N, C-alpha and C. Protein backbone atom coordinates (compact mmCIF):
# COMPACT_ATOMS: atom_id res chain seq x y z
N MET A 1 -40.36 -23.34 95.92
CA MET A 1 -40.20 -22.90 94.53
C MET A 1 -41.57 -22.50 93.99
N ALA A 2 -41.65 -21.37 93.37
CA ALA A 2 -42.91 -20.92 92.78
C ALA A 2 -43.32 -21.87 91.67
N LYS A 3 -44.64 -22.06 91.52
CA LYS A 3 -45.10 -23.07 90.58
C LYS A 3 -44.71 -22.79 89.14
N ASN A 4 -44.50 -21.55 88.77
CA ASN A 4 -44.15 -21.24 87.39
C ASN A 4 -42.72 -20.77 87.24
N SER A 5 -41.89 -20.98 88.28
CA SER A 5 -40.52 -20.54 88.17
C SER A 5 -39.77 -21.39 87.15
N LEU A 6 -38.70 -20.83 86.64
CA LEU A 6 -37.93 -21.53 85.61
C LEU A 6 -37.25 -22.77 86.18
N GLY A 7 -37.09 -23.76 85.33
CA GLY A 7 -36.33 -24.95 85.70
C GLY A 7 -34.86 -24.59 85.84
N THR A 8 -34.10 -25.51 86.42
CA THR A 8 -32.68 -25.27 86.63
C THR A 8 -31.86 -26.45 86.13
N LEU A 9 -30.64 -26.15 85.75
CA LEU A 9 -29.69 -27.21 85.42
C LEU A 9 -29.08 -27.67 86.73
N ILE A 10 -29.29 -28.93 87.08
CA ILE A 10 -28.74 -29.43 88.33
C ILE A 10 -27.37 -30.05 88.13
N GLU A 11 -27.02 -30.30 86.89
CA GLU A 11 -25.68 -30.73 86.46
C GLU A 11 -25.67 -30.58 84.95
N PRO A 12 -24.52 -30.61 84.31
CA PRO A 12 -24.51 -30.47 82.85
C PRO A 12 -25.43 -31.52 82.18
N GLY A 13 -26.30 -31.05 81.30
CA GLY A 13 -27.18 -31.94 80.57
C GLY A 13 -28.38 -32.45 81.34
N THR A 14 -28.65 -31.89 82.53
CA THR A 14 -29.79 -32.36 83.33
C THR A 14 -30.61 -31.17 83.82
N LEU A 15 -31.85 -31.12 83.35
CA LEU A 15 -32.79 -30.07 83.70
C LEU A 15 -33.77 -30.59 84.76
N ARG A 16 -34.09 -29.75 85.73
CA ARG A 16 -35.07 -30.11 86.76
C ARG A 16 -36.10 -28.98 86.86
N MET A 17 -37.37 -29.37 86.87
CA MET A 17 -38.48 -28.44 87.06
C MET A 17 -39.38 -28.97 88.17
N GLU A 18 -39.95 -28.06 88.93
CA GLU A 18 -40.89 -28.44 89.96
C GLU A 18 -42.16 -27.63 89.80
N ARG A 19 -43.28 -28.28 90.05
CA ARG A 19 -44.59 -27.63 89.99
C ARG A 19 -45.48 -28.18 91.09
N THR A 20 -46.33 -27.33 91.61
CA THR A 20 -47.43 -27.78 92.44
C THR A 20 -48.66 -27.67 91.57
N LEU A 21 -49.27 -28.82 91.29
CA LEU A 21 -50.41 -28.87 90.39
C LEU A 21 -51.71 -28.94 91.18
N PRO A 22 -52.77 -28.27 90.71
CA PRO A 22 -54.00 -28.11 91.47
C PRO A 22 -54.97 -29.29 91.38
N ALA A 23 -54.47 -30.49 91.69
CA ALA A 23 -55.33 -31.67 91.63
C ALA A 23 -54.67 -32.79 92.44
N PRO A 24 -55.49 -33.72 92.93
CA PRO A 24 -54.91 -34.87 93.64
C PRO A 24 -54.03 -35.70 92.71
N VAL A 25 -53.12 -36.45 93.29
CA VAL A 25 -52.15 -37.22 92.51
C VAL A 25 -52.82 -38.18 91.53
N GLU A 26 -53.95 -38.76 91.88
CA GLU A 26 -54.63 -39.70 90.97
C GLU A 26 -55.06 -39.00 89.68
N ARG A 27 -55.55 -37.78 89.82
CA ARG A 27 -55.98 -37.02 88.63
C ARG A 27 -54.77 -36.59 87.80
N VAL A 28 -53.72 -36.10 88.46
CA VAL A 28 -52.52 -35.68 87.73
C VAL A 28 -51.91 -36.88 87.02
N TRP A 29 -51.76 -38.01 87.69
CA TRP A 29 -51.21 -39.22 87.08
C TRP A 29 -51.97 -39.58 85.81
N ALA A 30 -53.29 -39.49 85.86
CA ALA A 30 -54.10 -39.82 84.68
C ALA A 30 -53.74 -38.94 83.49
N TYR A 31 -53.37 -37.69 83.73
CA TYR A 31 -52.99 -36.80 82.64
C TYR A 31 -51.61 -37.13 82.06
N PHE A 32 -50.91 -38.04 82.67
CA PHE A 32 -49.62 -38.50 82.14
C PHE A 32 -49.74 -39.85 81.44
N VAL A 33 -50.64 -40.70 81.89
CA VAL A 33 -50.68 -42.06 81.36
C VAL A 33 -51.90 -42.37 80.49
N ASP A 34 -52.94 -41.57 80.57
CA ASP A 34 -54.11 -41.76 79.71
C ASP A 34 -53.89 -40.92 78.45
N PRO A 35 -53.71 -41.57 77.29
CA PRO A 35 -53.38 -40.82 76.08
C PRO A 35 -54.38 -39.71 75.74
N ASP A 36 -55.68 -39.93 75.99
CA ASP A 36 -56.67 -38.90 75.68
C ASP A 36 -56.49 -37.68 76.57
N LYS A 37 -56.25 -37.89 77.85
CA LYS A 37 -56.01 -36.78 78.77
C LYS A 37 -54.66 -36.12 78.47
N ARG A 38 -53.65 -36.93 78.21
CA ARG A 38 -52.31 -36.40 77.92
C ARG A 38 -52.32 -35.53 76.67
N ALA A 39 -53.20 -35.85 75.71
CA ALA A 39 -53.30 -35.05 74.48
C ALA A 39 -53.71 -33.62 74.75
N ALA A 40 -54.37 -33.35 75.88
CA ALA A 40 -54.83 -32.01 76.21
C ALA A 40 -53.69 -31.07 76.57
N TRP A 41 -52.52 -31.63 76.94
CA TRP A 41 -51.42 -30.76 77.37
C TRP A 41 -50.06 -31.10 76.75
N LEU A 42 -49.91 -32.32 76.23
CA LEU A 42 -48.62 -32.73 75.69
C LEU A 42 -48.79 -33.45 74.36
N ALA A 43 -49.19 -34.71 74.42
CA ALA A 43 -49.30 -35.53 73.21
C ALA A 43 -50.17 -36.74 73.50
N GLY A 44 -51.02 -37.09 72.55
CA GLY A 44 -51.82 -38.30 72.67
C GLY A 44 -50.97 -39.51 72.29
N GLY A 45 -51.56 -40.44 71.55
CA GLY A 45 -50.81 -41.62 71.10
C GLY A 45 -51.25 -42.86 71.83
N THR A 46 -50.27 -43.58 72.37
CA THR A 46 -50.55 -44.81 73.11
C THR A 46 -49.81 -44.71 74.44
N MET A 47 -49.91 -45.76 75.25
CA MET A 47 -49.15 -45.81 76.51
C MET A 47 -48.83 -47.25 76.80
N ALA A 48 -47.72 -47.47 77.45
CA ALA A 48 -47.30 -48.79 77.91
C ALA A 48 -46.95 -48.67 79.38
N GLU A 49 -47.05 -49.77 80.09
CA GLU A 49 -46.77 -49.75 81.52
C GLU A 49 -45.56 -50.58 81.92
N GLU A 50 -45.12 -51.45 81.05
CA GLU A 50 -44.00 -52.33 81.37
C GLU A 50 -42.68 -51.69 80.98
N PRO A 51 -41.71 -51.64 81.90
CA PRO A 51 -40.39 -51.13 81.52
C PRO A 51 -39.84 -51.88 80.30
N GLY A 52 -39.30 -51.12 79.37
CA GLY A 52 -38.78 -51.68 78.13
C GLY A 52 -39.78 -51.62 76.99
N SER A 53 -41.06 -51.43 77.30
CA SER A 53 -42.10 -51.37 76.26
C SER A 53 -42.04 -50.03 75.53
N VAL A 54 -42.33 -50.09 74.24
CA VAL A 54 -42.33 -48.90 73.39
C VAL A 54 -43.77 -48.40 73.25
N PHE A 55 -43.94 -47.08 73.25
CA PHE A 55 -45.25 -46.48 73.03
C PHE A 55 -45.06 -45.26 72.15
N GLU A 56 -46.17 -44.66 71.72
CA GLU A 56 -46.11 -43.53 70.81
C GLU A 56 -46.68 -42.27 71.44
N LEU A 57 -45.99 -41.19 71.22
CA LEU A 57 -46.50 -39.86 71.56
C LEU A 57 -46.87 -39.19 70.24
N ARG A 58 -48.11 -38.74 70.13
CA ARG A 58 -48.57 -38.07 68.92
C ARG A 58 -48.86 -36.61 69.28
N PHE A 59 -47.97 -35.74 68.84
CA PHE A 59 -48.07 -34.30 69.14
C PHE A 59 -48.95 -33.60 68.11
N HIS A 60 -49.93 -32.84 68.60
CA HIS A 60 -50.77 -31.94 67.79
C HIS A 60 -50.69 -30.58 68.48
N HIS A 61 -49.60 -29.88 68.29
CA HIS A 61 -49.37 -28.64 69.02
C HIS A 61 -50.47 -27.60 68.84
N THR A 62 -51.03 -27.50 67.65
CA THR A 62 -52.07 -26.50 67.41
C THR A 62 -53.30 -26.75 68.28
N ARG A 63 -53.59 -28.00 68.57
CA ARG A 63 -54.76 -28.34 69.39
C ARG A 63 -54.61 -27.93 70.85
N LEU A 64 -53.39 -27.68 71.31
CA LEU A 64 -53.19 -27.35 72.72
C LEU A 64 -53.87 -26.04 73.10
N SER A 65 -53.74 -25.02 72.24
CA SER A 65 -54.33 -23.71 72.58
C SER A 65 -54.96 -23.03 71.37
N GLY A 66 -54.86 -23.66 70.20
CA GLY A 66 -55.40 -23.05 68.99
C GLY A 66 -54.40 -22.21 68.21
N GLU A 67 -53.23 -21.92 68.81
CA GLU A 67 -52.22 -21.14 68.11
C GLU A 67 -51.47 -22.01 67.11
N VAL A 68 -51.23 -21.46 65.94
CA VAL A 68 -50.45 -22.15 64.91
C VAL A 68 -48.97 -21.86 65.18
N ALA A 69 -48.14 -22.88 65.00
CA ALA A 69 -46.71 -22.74 65.24
C ALA A 69 -46.10 -21.67 64.35
N PRO A 70 -45.14 -20.90 64.88
CA PRO A 70 -44.45 -19.91 64.04
C PRO A 70 -43.62 -20.62 62.96
N GLU A 71 -43.17 -19.85 62.00
CA GLU A 71 -42.47 -20.42 60.84
C GLU A 71 -41.31 -21.34 61.23
N ARG A 72 -40.50 -20.93 62.19
CA ARG A 72 -39.32 -21.76 62.50
C ARG A 72 -39.70 -23.09 63.15
N PHE A 73 -40.95 -23.22 63.60
CA PHE A 73 -41.46 -24.49 64.12
C PHE A 73 -42.54 -25.04 63.21
N SER A 74 -42.45 -24.74 61.92
CA SER A 74 -43.50 -25.13 60.97
C SER A 74 -43.75 -26.64 60.95
N ALA A 75 -42.75 -27.44 61.28
CA ALA A 75 -42.95 -28.90 61.34
C ALA A 75 -44.00 -29.26 62.39
N CYS A 76 -44.21 -28.39 63.37
CA CYS A 76 -45.18 -28.65 64.44
C CYS A 76 -46.60 -28.28 64.03
N ARG A 77 -46.79 -27.83 62.81
CA ARG A 77 -48.13 -27.51 62.33
C ARG A 77 -48.90 -28.77 61.96
N SER A 78 -48.19 -29.84 61.72
CA SER A 78 -48.79 -31.14 61.42
C SER A 78 -48.49 -32.07 62.58
N PRO A 79 -49.27 -33.14 62.70
CA PRO A 79 -48.98 -34.10 63.79
C PRO A 79 -47.57 -34.66 63.67
N ILE A 80 -46.94 -34.84 64.83
CA ILE A 80 -45.60 -35.42 64.91
C ILE A 80 -45.69 -36.67 65.76
N LEU A 81 -45.15 -37.76 65.24
CA LEU A 81 -45.15 -39.03 65.96
C LEU A 81 -43.76 -39.28 66.53
N GLN A 82 -43.70 -39.58 67.82
CA GLN A 82 -42.43 -39.88 68.48
C GLN A 82 -42.58 -41.20 69.22
N LYS A 83 -41.68 -42.12 68.97
CA LYS A 83 -41.66 -43.38 69.72
C LYS A 83 -40.78 -43.19 70.95
N SER A 84 -41.27 -43.67 72.06
CA SER A 84 -40.54 -43.60 73.32
C SER A 84 -40.61 -44.96 74.00
N ARG A 85 -39.79 -45.12 75.02
CA ARG A 85 -39.72 -46.38 75.74
C ARG A 85 -39.96 -46.11 77.22
N VAL A 86 -40.73 -46.97 77.85
CA VAL A 86 -40.94 -46.86 79.29
C VAL A 86 -39.69 -47.39 79.99
N VAL A 87 -39.13 -46.58 80.89
CA VAL A 87 -37.97 -46.98 81.66
C VAL A 87 -38.41 -47.40 83.07
N GLU A 88 -39.28 -46.58 83.69
CA GLU A 88 -39.84 -46.89 85.01
C GLU A 88 -41.32 -46.55 84.99
N PHE A 89 -42.11 -47.38 85.64
CA PHE A 89 -43.55 -47.14 85.73
C PHE A 89 -43.99 -47.58 87.12
N GLU A 90 -44.12 -46.61 88.01
CA GLU A 90 -44.55 -46.86 89.38
C GLU A 90 -45.79 -46.02 89.62
N PRO A 91 -47.00 -46.60 89.44
CA PRO A 91 -48.24 -45.83 89.48
C PRO A 91 -48.33 -44.87 90.66
N LEU A 92 -48.74 -43.65 90.32
CA LEU A 92 -48.97 -42.54 91.25
C LEU A 92 -47.70 -42.01 91.89
N LYS A 93 -46.52 -42.55 91.51
CA LYS A 93 -45.27 -42.12 92.13
C LYS A 93 -44.24 -41.67 91.12
N ARG A 94 -43.97 -42.48 90.09
CA ARG A 94 -42.86 -42.17 89.18
C ARG A 94 -43.10 -42.78 87.80
N LEU A 95 -42.79 -41.98 86.79
CA LEU A 95 -42.81 -42.42 85.41
C LEU A 95 -41.55 -41.89 84.76
N THR A 96 -40.77 -42.78 84.14
CA THR A 96 -39.56 -42.38 83.41
C THR A 96 -39.67 -42.96 82.01
N ILE A 97 -39.41 -42.10 81.02
CA ILE A 97 -39.49 -42.52 79.62
C ILE A 97 -38.28 -42.00 78.85
N SER A 98 -37.96 -42.68 77.75
CA SER A 98 -36.96 -42.15 76.83
C SER A 98 -37.62 -40.99 76.10
N TRP A 99 -36.80 -40.07 75.59
CA TRP A 99 -37.36 -38.90 74.92
C TRP A 99 -36.75 -38.73 73.54
N GLY A 100 -37.59 -38.60 72.55
CA GLY A 100 -37.12 -38.34 71.19
C GLY A 100 -36.79 -39.59 70.41
N SER A 101 -36.75 -40.73 71.10
CA SER A 101 -36.36 -41.98 70.46
C SER A 101 -36.62 -43.10 71.44
N GLU A 102 -36.78 -44.30 70.92
CA GLU A 102 -36.91 -45.45 71.82
C GLU A 102 -35.54 -46.04 72.17
N SER A 103 -34.49 -45.46 71.63
CA SER A 103 -33.13 -45.95 71.84
C SER A 103 -32.72 -45.84 73.31
N ALA A 104 -31.91 -46.77 73.76
CA ALA A 104 -31.39 -46.73 75.13
C ALA A 104 -30.46 -45.54 75.32
N ALA A 105 -29.95 -44.96 74.24
CA ALA A 105 -29.05 -43.81 74.33
C ALA A 105 -29.80 -42.48 74.31
N ALA A 106 -31.11 -42.52 74.13
CA ALA A 106 -31.91 -41.28 74.07
C ALA A 106 -31.88 -40.55 75.40
N SER A 107 -32.19 -39.27 75.35
CA SER A 107 -32.34 -38.55 76.62
C SER A 107 -33.55 -39.16 77.34
N GLU A 108 -33.65 -38.85 78.62
CA GLU A 108 -34.64 -39.51 79.45
C GLU A 108 -35.32 -38.48 80.33
N VAL A 109 -36.63 -38.61 80.49
CA VAL A 109 -37.36 -37.69 81.35
C VAL A 109 -38.11 -38.49 82.42
N SER A 110 -37.96 -38.03 83.67
CA SER A 110 -38.64 -38.65 84.81
C SER A 110 -39.64 -37.66 85.38
N PHE A 111 -40.77 -38.19 85.77
CA PHE A 111 -41.81 -37.42 86.44
C PHE A 111 -42.03 -38.08 87.79
N GLU A 112 -41.85 -37.32 88.86
CA GLU A 112 -42.08 -37.83 90.21
C GLU A 112 -43.27 -37.09 90.80
N PHE A 113 -44.20 -37.85 91.37
CA PHE A 113 -45.45 -37.30 91.88
C PHE A 113 -45.51 -37.49 93.39
N THR A 114 -45.80 -36.41 94.13
CA THR A 114 -45.94 -36.49 95.57
C THR A 114 -47.26 -35.83 95.97
N ARG A 115 -48.06 -36.57 96.70
CA ARG A 115 -49.33 -36.04 97.18
C ARG A 115 -49.06 -34.96 98.22
N GLU A 116 -49.75 -33.84 98.06
CA GLU A 116 -49.70 -32.75 99.04
C GLU A 116 -51.13 -32.30 99.28
N GLY A 117 -51.86 -33.08 100.08
CA GLY A 117 -53.26 -32.79 100.31
C GLY A 117 -54.05 -32.93 99.03
N ASP A 118 -54.73 -31.85 98.62
CA ASP A 118 -55.52 -31.86 97.38
C ASP A 118 -54.72 -31.44 96.17
N THR A 119 -53.41 -31.26 96.34
CA THR A 119 -52.55 -30.89 95.22
C THR A 119 -51.48 -31.97 95.03
N THR A 120 -50.73 -31.83 93.95
CA THR A 120 -49.65 -32.77 93.64
C THR A 120 -48.38 -31.99 93.36
N HIS A 121 -47.31 -32.39 94.02
CA HIS A 121 -46.00 -31.81 93.73
C HIS A 121 -45.37 -32.67 92.64
N LEU A 122 -45.03 -32.05 91.53
CA LEU A 122 -44.42 -32.74 90.39
C LEU A 122 -42.97 -32.29 90.28
N VAL A 123 -42.07 -33.26 90.14
CA VAL A 123 -40.68 -32.97 89.82
C VAL A 123 -40.39 -33.64 88.48
N LEU A 124 -40.02 -32.83 87.51
CA LEU A 124 -39.65 -33.30 86.18
C LEU A 124 -38.14 -33.18 86.07
N THR A 125 -37.48 -34.27 85.71
CA THR A 125 -36.03 -34.25 85.51
C THR A 125 -35.75 -34.82 84.12
N HIS A 126 -35.13 -34.02 83.27
CA HIS A 126 -34.77 -34.46 81.92
C HIS A 126 -33.26 -34.59 81.87
N ARG A 127 -32.78 -35.81 81.62
CA ARG A 127 -31.35 -36.13 81.66
C ARG A 127 -30.79 -36.40 80.25
N ARG A 128 -29.48 -36.31 80.17
CA ARG A 128 -28.72 -36.64 78.95
C ARG A 128 -29.05 -35.70 77.80
N LEU A 129 -29.20 -34.43 78.13
CA LEU A 129 -29.37 -33.42 77.08
C LEU A 129 -27.98 -33.14 76.51
N PRO A 130 -27.80 -33.29 75.20
CA PRO A 130 -26.45 -33.29 74.63
C PRO A 130 -25.76 -31.93 74.52
N ASP A 131 -26.54 -30.83 74.43
CA ASP A 131 -25.90 -29.53 74.21
C ASP A 131 -26.85 -28.41 74.64
N ARG A 132 -26.35 -27.20 74.56
CA ARG A 132 -27.13 -26.03 75.00
C ARG A 132 -28.39 -25.86 74.15
N LYS A 133 -28.28 -26.04 72.84
CA LYS A 133 -29.44 -25.87 71.95
C LYS A 133 -30.57 -26.82 72.35
N GLU A 134 -30.25 -28.06 72.56
CA GLU A 134 -31.26 -29.04 72.97
C GLU A 134 -31.81 -28.70 74.36
N THR A 135 -30.95 -28.30 75.26
CA THR A 135 -31.38 -27.93 76.61
C THR A 135 -32.33 -26.74 76.57
N LEU A 136 -32.03 -25.75 75.73
CA LEU A 136 -32.90 -24.59 75.58
C LEU A 136 -34.27 -24.99 75.05
N GLY A 137 -34.29 -25.84 74.03
CA GLY A 137 -35.55 -26.29 73.46
C GLY A 137 -36.37 -27.11 74.43
N VAL A 138 -35.71 -28.01 75.13
CA VAL A 138 -36.39 -28.87 76.10
C VAL A 138 -36.92 -28.04 77.27
N SER A 139 -36.12 -27.10 77.75
CA SER A 139 -36.53 -26.27 78.88
C SER A 139 -37.78 -25.46 78.57
N SER A 140 -37.74 -24.72 77.47
CA SER A 140 -38.90 -23.89 77.12
C SER A 140 -40.10 -24.75 76.72
N GLY A 141 -39.84 -25.88 76.07
CA GLY A 141 -40.93 -26.78 75.68
C GLY A 141 -41.63 -27.39 76.88
N TRP A 142 -40.87 -27.99 77.80
CA TRP A 142 -41.50 -28.57 78.99
C TRP A 142 -42.24 -27.52 79.79
N HIS A 143 -41.64 -26.35 79.94
CA HIS A 143 -42.27 -25.30 80.73
C HIS A 143 -43.61 -24.90 80.11
N ALA A 144 -43.62 -24.70 78.79
CA ALA A 144 -44.86 -24.32 78.10
C ALA A 144 -45.91 -25.43 78.20
N HIS A 145 -45.50 -26.68 78.04
CA HIS A 145 -46.45 -27.79 78.17
C HIS A 145 -47.01 -27.89 79.58
N LEU A 146 -46.16 -27.72 80.59
CA LEU A 146 -46.64 -27.78 81.98
C LEU A 146 -47.57 -26.61 82.28
N ASP A 147 -47.35 -25.46 81.66
CA ASP A 147 -48.28 -24.35 81.83
C ASP A 147 -49.66 -24.71 81.26
N VAL A 148 -49.69 -25.40 80.12
CA VAL A 148 -50.96 -25.85 79.55
C VAL A 148 -51.62 -26.84 80.51
N LEU A 149 -50.84 -27.78 81.05
CA LEU A 149 -51.41 -28.75 82.01
C LEU A 149 -52.01 -28.02 83.21
N ASP A 150 -51.30 -27.04 83.73
CA ASP A 150 -51.81 -26.26 84.86
C ASP A 150 -53.15 -25.60 84.50
N ASP A 151 -53.23 -25.02 83.31
CA ASP A 151 -54.48 -24.40 82.85
C ASP A 151 -55.60 -25.44 82.76
N VAL A 152 -55.31 -26.59 82.17
CA VAL A 152 -56.30 -27.65 82.02
C VAL A 152 -56.80 -28.11 83.39
N LEU A 153 -55.89 -28.34 84.31
CA LEU A 153 -56.28 -28.80 85.65
C LEU A 153 -57.09 -27.74 86.40
N HIS A 154 -56.84 -26.47 86.11
CA HIS A 154 -57.62 -25.39 86.71
C HIS A 154 -58.96 -25.18 86.01
N GLY A 155 -59.17 -25.87 84.88
CA GLY A 155 -60.41 -25.69 84.12
C GLY A 155 -60.44 -24.40 83.32
N ARG A 156 -59.25 -23.85 83.02
CA ARG A 156 -59.14 -22.62 82.24
C ARG A 156 -58.83 -22.94 80.78
N LYS A 157 -59.15 -22.00 79.90
CA LYS A 157 -58.72 -22.13 78.51
C LYS A 157 -57.20 -22.01 78.52
N PRO A 158 -56.49 -22.96 77.89
CA PRO A 158 -55.02 -22.89 77.90
C PRO A 158 -54.50 -21.61 77.25
N ARG A 159 -53.46 -21.06 77.87
CA ARG A 159 -52.80 -19.87 77.32
C ARG A 159 -52.19 -20.23 75.96
N GLY A 160 -51.89 -19.23 75.17
CA GLY A 160 -51.31 -19.47 73.84
C GLY A 160 -49.99 -20.21 73.96
N PHE A 161 -49.96 -21.44 73.49
CA PHE A 161 -48.77 -22.27 73.64
C PHE A 161 -47.54 -21.62 73.01
N TRP A 162 -47.65 -21.18 71.76
CA TRP A 162 -46.47 -20.67 71.04
C TRP A 162 -46.06 -19.29 71.53
N THR A 163 -47.01 -18.46 71.93
CA THR A 163 -46.67 -17.15 72.50
C THR A 163 -45.90 -17.36 73.80
N ASN A 164 -46.41 -18.25 74.64
CA ASN A 164 -45.76 -18.57 75.91
C ASN A 164 -44.39 -19.19 75.66
N HIS A 165 -44.31 -20.12 74.72
CA HIS A 165 -43.06 -20.80 74.39
C HIS A 165 -41.98 -19.78 74.00
N ALA A 166 -42.35 -18.80 73.18
CA ALA A 166 -41.38 -17.79 72.73
C ALA A 166 -40.85 -16.97 73.91
N ALA A 167 -41.73 -16.58 74.81
CA ALA A 167 -41.31 -15.81 75.99
C ALA A 167 -40.41 -16.66 76.89
N LEU A 168 -40.77 -17.91 77.06
CA LEU A 168 -39.97 -18.82 77.89
C LEU A 168 -38.60 -19.08 77.27
N GLU A 169 -38.57 -19.23 75.96
CA GLU A 169 -37.30 -19.47 75.28
C GLU A 169 -36.33 -18.31 75.53
N LYS A 170 -36.84 -17.08 75.51
CA LYS A 170 -35.99 -15.91 75.80
C LYS A 170 -35.50 -15.96 77.25
N ALA A 171 -36.41 -16.29 78.16
CA ALA A 171 -36.03 -16.34 79.58
C ALA A 171 -34.97 -17.42 79.83
N TYR A 172 -35.16 -18.60 79.23
CA TYR A 172 -34.18 -19.67 79.42
C TYR A 172 -32.86 -19.35 78.72
N ASP A 173 -32.93 -18.67 77.57
CA ASP A 173 -31.71 -18.31 76.86
C ASP A 173 -30.84 -17.38 77.73
N GLU A 174 -31.50 -16.49 78.46
CA GLU A 174 -30.76 -15.58 79.35
C GLU A 174 -30.21 -16.32 80.58
N ARG A 175 -30.88 -17.37 80.97
CA ARG A 175 -30.50 -18.06 82.21
C ARG A 175 -29.48 -19.18 82.02
N LEU A 176 -29.57 -19.90 80.91
CA LEU A 176 -28.69 -21.06 80.70
C LEU A 176 -27.26 -20.61 80.43
N PRO A 177 -26.29 -21.33 80.96
CA PRO A 177 -24.89 -20.98 80.67
C PRO A 177 -24.59 -21.08 79.18
N ALA A 178 -23.72 -20.22 78.70
CA ALA A 178 -23.36 -20.19 77.27
C ALA A 178 -22.59 -21.42 76.87
């Protein structure tokens, strides 16, 4: 699978994305669990390692690439705080968290890390997406965030988050079943 290819629905309500990231697994893992590093591509906040523990994701979307969110995402112009819960924490191998809420009924995202020499194969699986609208938002959002991570790991200035997000949203809208 090409590193920037679109994610796929592997069953209703379950999105899967794969990436080969340009860094060893130890470095990639740090960008998921170290809040300061994670802030460069997704969200800062706090982190917990024990399953069942709650932590905070603090999103500052404008800081990702300098682009201000378009009007329909105006809520993203200010920091957004999201509480999540650790479901699985297996260092350098797997991280699963609740998404959008600390509730046990929240959707869930898993990140699986596999060492491939000097690179890392990442599999992201987001489960329990309730409808097409949420799936579309999650698909384009994760894809855009992973593109920023790829840029950061390459030592490049991150591409415009919102410009990329808009293009991805169109691509996923055409691909996802109605």
